[in-house]
N, C-alpha and C. Protein backbone atom coordinates (compact mmCIF):
# COMPACT_ATOMS: atom_id res chain seq x y z
N MET A 1 10.06 3.99 -14.60
CA MET A 1 10.67 2.53 -14.31
C MET A 1 10.73 1.91 -12.95
N LYS A 2 10.67 2.54 -11.68
CA LYS A 2 10.53 2.33 -10.34
C LYS A 2 9.00 1.89 -9.99
N GLU A 3 8.18 2.68 -10.56
CA GLU A 3 6.48 2.98 -9.95
C GLU A 3 5.87 1.56 -11.40
N ASN A 4 6.61 0.99 -11.98
CA ASN A 4 6.46 -0.44 -12.80
C ASN A 4 6.95 -1.35 -12.26
N ASN A 5 8.08 -1.17 -11.48
CA ASN A 5 8.99 -2.21 -11.59
C ASN A 5 7.94 -2.56 -9.46
N GLN A 6 7.53 -1.81 -9.12
CA GLN A 6 6.47 -1.29 -7.38
C GLN A 6 5.49 -2.15 -8.17
N ASN A 7 4.84 -1.97 -9.30
CA ASN A 7 3.35 -2.90 -9.79
C ASN A 7 3.46 -4.02 -9.91
N GLU A 8 4.75 -4.20 -10.46
CA GLU A 8 4.61 -5.92 -10.97
C GLU A 8 5.14 -6.25 -9.76
N VAL A 9 5.96 -5.80 -8.25
CA VAL A 9 6.04 -6.57 -7.44
C VAL A 9 4.24 -6.80 -6.39
N TRP A 10 3.73 -5.26 -6.74
CA TRP A 10 2.32 -5.58 -5.85
C TRP A 10 0.93 -6.72 -6.97
N LYS A 11 0.91 -6.64 -7.66
CA LYS A 11 0.64 -8.06 -8.78
C LYS A 11 1.24 -9.35 -8.29
N ASP A 12 2.48 -9.13 -8.52
CA ASP A 12 2.27 -10.71 -7.51
C ASP A 12 1.85 -10.53 -5.97
N ILE A 13 1.98 -9.96 -5.49
CA ILE A 13 1.66 -10.18 -4.37
C ILE A 13 0.19 -10.79 -4.09
N LYS A 14 -0.45 -9.47 -4.91
CA LYS A 14 -1.88 -10.05 -5.10
C LYS A 14 -2.31 -11.42 -5.50
N ALA A 15 -1.69 -11.73 -6.84
CA ALA A 15 -1.86 -13.24 -7.16
C ALA A 15 -0.94 -13.96 -5.72
N ILE A 16 -0.59 -14.51 -5.17
CA ILE A 16 -0.44 -14.90 -4.53
C ILE A 16 -1.21 -14.60 -3.09
N TRP A 17 -1.52 -13.86 -2.32
CA TRP A 17 -2.84 -13.41 -1.99
C TRP A 17 -3.56 -14.39 -2.55
N ASN A 18 -3.82 -14.28 -3.65
CA ASN A 18 -5.45 -14.24 -3.80
C ASN A 18 -5.97 -16.09 -4.13
N LYS A 19 -4.35 -16.87 -4.28
CA LYS A 19 -3.88 -17.89 -4.33
C LYS A 19 -4.14 -18.77 -3.06
N GLN A 20 -4.47 -18.00 -2.17
CA GLN A 20 -4.80 -18.51 -0.82
C GLN A 20 -6.21 -19.10 -0.43
N PRO A 21 -6.33 -19.84 0.55
CA PRO A 21 -8.03 -20.70 0.39
C PRO A 21 -8.19 -19.36 1.41
N GLU A 22 -7.47 -18.77 2.46
CA GLU A 22 -8.71 -18.17 2.78
C GLU A 22 -9.10 -16.68 2.36
N SER A 23 -7.40 -15.99 1.30
CA SER A 23 -8.15 -14.83 0.97
C SER A 23 -9.76 -13.98 0.96
N ALA A 24 -10.20 -15.16 0.42
CA ALA A 24 -11.56 -15.23 -0.10
C ALA A 24 -12.68 -14.08 0.81
N THR A 25 -12.56 -14.49 2.00
CA THR A 25 -13.22 -14.24 3.86
C THR A 25 -11.94 -13.15 3.84
N ILE A 26 -11.05 -13.50 4.20
CA ILE A 26 -10.53 -12.55 4.24
C ILE A 26 -10.75 -10.68 3.78
N ASN A 27 -10.48 -10.70 2.54
CA ASN A 27 -11.31 -9.46 1.28
C ASN A 27 -12.58 -9.57 1.69
N ILE A 28 -13.82 -10.00 1.90
CA ILE A 28 -14.93 -9.91 1.82
C ILE A 28 -14.89 -8.86 3.81
N GLN A 29 -14.35 -8.96 4.81
CA GLN A 29 -14.63 -9.02 5.73
C GLN A 29 -13.54 -7.61 5.77
N VAL A 30 -12.44 -6.91 5.09
CA VAL A 30 -11.76 -6.36 4.74
C VAL A 30 -13.08 -5.50 4.57
N SER A 31 -13.05 -5.78 3.24
CA SER A 31 -14.06 -4.70 2.57
C SER A 31 -15.36 -4.09 3.32
N GLN A 32 -16.23 -5.59 4.34
CA GLN A 32 -16.98 -4.69 5.11
C GLN A 32 -16.60 -3.93 6.13
N LEU A 33 -15.25 -3.96 6.40
CA LEU A 33 -14.94 -2.75 7.60
C LEU A 33 -15.01 -1.75 6.79
N ILE A 34 -13.91 -2.04 5.64
CA ILE A 34 -13.07 -0.29 5.52
C ILE A 34 -14.74 0.47 4.68
N SER A 35 -16.00 -0.51 4.23
CA SER A 35 -17.36 -0.45 4.21
C SER A 35 -17.74 0.46 5.14
N GLU A 36 -17.79 0.33 6.19
CA GLU A 36 -18.09 0.46 8.16
C GLU A 36 -17.63 1.48 8.21
N PHE A 37 -16.44 1.78 8.25
CA PHE A 37 -15.53 2.81 8.06
C PHE A 37 -15.59 4.43 7.29
N LYS A 38 -16.09 3.76 6.50
CA LYS A 38 -16.09 5.00 5.69
C LYS A 38 -17.85 5.65 5.63
N ASP A 39 -19.10 4.70 6.27
CA ASP A 39 -20.24 5.44 6.60
C ASP A 39 -19.77 5.86 8.01
N LYS A 40 -19.23 5.30 8.77
CA LYS A 40 -19.59 6.29 10.34
C LYS A 40 -18.04 7.41 9.69
N ILE A 41 -17.63 7.88 8.73
CA ILE A 41 -16.83 8.93 9.33
C ILE A 41 -17.10 10.24 8.28
N ARG A 42 -17.66 10.97 9.11
CA ARG A 42 -18.18 12.23 8.92
C ARG A 42 -17.57 13.25 7.74
N PRO A 43 -18.03 14.31 7.17
CA PRO A 43 -17.39 15.50 6.42
C PRO A 43 -16.33 15.62 6.95
N PHE A 44 -16.62 16.54 8.03
CA PHE A 44 -15.64 17.40 8.90
C PHE A 44 -14.04 16.58 9.15
N GLU A 45 -14.47 15.55 8.68
CA GLU A 45 -13.63 14.49 9.53
C GLU A 45 -12.79 14.07 8.77
N ARG A 46 -13.16 13.84 7.19
CA ARG A 46 -12.36 13.41 6.15
C ARG A 46 -11.81 15.00 5.80
N ASP A 47 -12.38 16.26 5.48
CA ASP A 47 -11.43 17.05 5.10
C ASP A 47 -10.95 17.12 6.34
N LEU A 48 -10.96 17.31 7.83
CA LEU A 48 -9.97 17.09 8.64
C LEU A 48 -8.47 16.34 8.15
N ILE A 49 -9.26 15.07 7.49
CA ILE A 49 -7.57 14.07 7.09
C ILE A 49 -6.98 15.24 6.13
N THR A 50 -8.04 15.20 5.24
CA THR A 50 -7.34 15.71 3.81
C THR A 50 -6.45 16.94 3.95
N LYS A 51 -6.60 17.44 4.86
CA LYS A 51 -5.70 19.12 5.23
C LYS A 51 -4.85 18.93 6.47
N ASP A 52 -5.27 17.12 6.74
CA ASP A 52 -3.65 17.59 7.62
C ASP A 52 -2.27 16.29 6.74
N ILE A 53 -3.30 15.39 5.54
CA ILE A 53 -1.65 15.42 4.54
C ILE A 53 -1.63 16.01 3.87
N ALA A 54 -2.25 17.07 3.69
CA ALA A 54 -1.86 18.33 2.37
C ALA A 54 -0.29 18.65 3.13
N LEU A 55 -1.29 19.38 5.08
CA LEU A 55 0.47 20.03 5.51
C LEU A 55 1.38 18.72 5.79
N ILE A 56 0.87 18.36 5.82
CA ILE A 56 2.52 16.42 6.59
C ILE A 56 3.35 16.92 4.70
N LYS A 57 2.52 16.62 3.76
CA LYS A 57 3.36 16.92 2.41
C LYS A 57 4.25 17.96 2.33
N SER A 58 2.92 19.32 2.57
CA SER A 58 3.87 20.46 2.36
C SER A 58 5.58 20.92 3.27
N LEU A 59 5.09 19.62 4.63
CA LEU A 59 6.15 20.46 5.47
C LEU A 59 7.73 19.61 5.52
N THR A 60 6.63 17.84 4.33
CA THR A 60 7.97 17.19 4.11
C THR A 60 9.00 18.05 2.98
N SER A 61 10.68 17.91 3.68
CA SER A 61 11.64 18.65 3.18
C SER A 61 11.77 17.76 1.86
N ASP A 62 12.68 17.85 0.98
CA ASP A 62 13.17 16.97 -0.19
C ASP A 62 14.18 15.98 0.24
N PHE A 63 15.02 16.52 1.47
CA PHE A 63 15.72 15.46 1.74
C PHE A 63 14.60 13.95 2.22
N GLU A 64 13.88 14.01 3.07
CA GLU A 64 12.81 13.16 3.52
C GLU A 64 12.15 13.02 2.53
N LYS A 65 11.80 13.00 1.74
CA LYS A 65 10.92 12.58 -0.02
C LYS A 65 12.53 11.73 -0.27
N GLU A 66 13.40 12.28 -0.41
CA GLU A 66 14.04 11.16 -1.14
C GLU A 66 14.74 10.32 -0.34
N SER A 67 14.90 10.63 1.20
CA SER A 67 14.85 9.27 1.83
C SER A 67 14.07 8.20 1.64
N ILE A 68 12.30 9.16 1.46
CA ILE A 68 11.31 7.55 1.79
C ILE A 68 11.06 7.32 0.73
N ARG A 69 11.53 7.81 -0.97
CA ARG A 69 11.74 7.09 -2.03
C ARG A 69 13.11 6.05 -2.23
N LYS A 70 13.73 5.98 -1.41
CA LYS A 70 15.09 5.17 -1.37
C LYS A 70 14.48 3.55 -0.48
N ASP A 71 13.80 3.88 0.42
CA ASP A 71 13.47 3.42 1.03
C ASP A 71 12.18 2.13 0.48
N ILE A 72 11.49 3.28 -0.30
CA ILE A 72 10.48 2.40 -0.52
C ILE A 72 11.27 1.71 -2.03
N THR A 73 11.61 2.17 -2.26
CA THR A 73 13.08 0.95 -3.64
C THR A 73 13.58 -0.17 -2.51
N LEU A 74 14.26 0.31 -1.94
CA LEU A 74 14.36 -1.11 -1.48
C LEU A 74 13.88 -2.22 -0.86
N ILE A 75 12.47 -1.81 -0.19
CA ILE A 75 11.58 -2.85 0.42
C ILE A 75 10.96 -2.87 -0.69
N THR A 76 11.06 -2.60 -1.75
CA THR A 76 9.85 -3.34 -3.15
C THR A 76 11.02 -4.17 -4.06
N SER A 77 12.52 -3.47 -3.78
CA SER A 77 13.50 -4.39 -4.38
C SER A 77 13.47 -5.74 -3.26
N SER A 78 13.32 -6.05 -1.90
CA SER A 78 13.51 -6.94 -1.20
C SER A 78 11.97 -8.00 -1.01
N VAL A 79 11.38 -7.37 -1.47
CA VAL A 79 9.46 -8.18 -1.96
C VAL A 79 9.27 -8.91 -3.05
N LYS A 80 10.47 -8.51 -4.10
CA LYS A 80 10.63 -8.45 -5.49
C LYS A 80 11.39 -10.03 -5.01
N LYS A 81 12.66 -10.17 -4.84
CA LYS A 81 13.17 -10.74 -4.11
C LYS A 81 12.61 -12.16 -3.55
N PHE A 82 11.76 -11.86 -1.84
CA PHE A 82 11.28 -12.60 -1.62
C PHE A 82 10.52 -13.62 -2.47
N ILE A 83 9.55 -12.70 -3.45
CA ILE A 83 8.62 -13.28 -4.13
C ILE A 83 8.98 -14.19 -5.77
N ASP A 84 10.27 -13.44 -5.48
CA ASP A 84 11.15 -14.37 -6.94
C ASP A 84 11.38 -16.03 -6.13
N TRP A 85 11.78 -15.92 -4.80
CA TRP A 85 12.04 -17.05 -4.34
C TRP A 85 11.01 -17.58 -3.99
N LEU A 86 10.02 -17.03 -3.78
CA LEU A 86 8.52 -18.03 -3.45
C LEU A 86 8.14 -19.23 -4.79
N LYS A 87 8.24 -18.16 -5.91
CA LYS A 87 7.83 -19.24 -7.13
C LYS A 87 9.55 -20.08 -7.82
N GLY A 88 9.94 -19.96 -7.12
CA GLY A 88 11.50 -20.75 -6.77
C GLY A 88 12.33 -20.41 -8.51
N ASN A 89 12.87 -19.28 -8.38
CA ASN A 89 12.99 -18.69 -9.31
C ASN A 89 14.87 -18.29 -9.14
């Protein structure tokens, strides 16, 4: 349920973003930057990043995970309220 709510919020954000006149130019620039970054990163670096993420996930306690979940829920709720306000609901 929470994931569906978060997906709805992100869809709303994306819709609002895409209505902005500058969004197409910014999207192209960001896509180019991501592409350049992917081209410049070596497999060795990619493997290190993947291993670091796995290590961080394995060292995170249940308390920290629950705290992060609560924070994400709070942020999602706040963003949804803001989007509703922008839409005039």
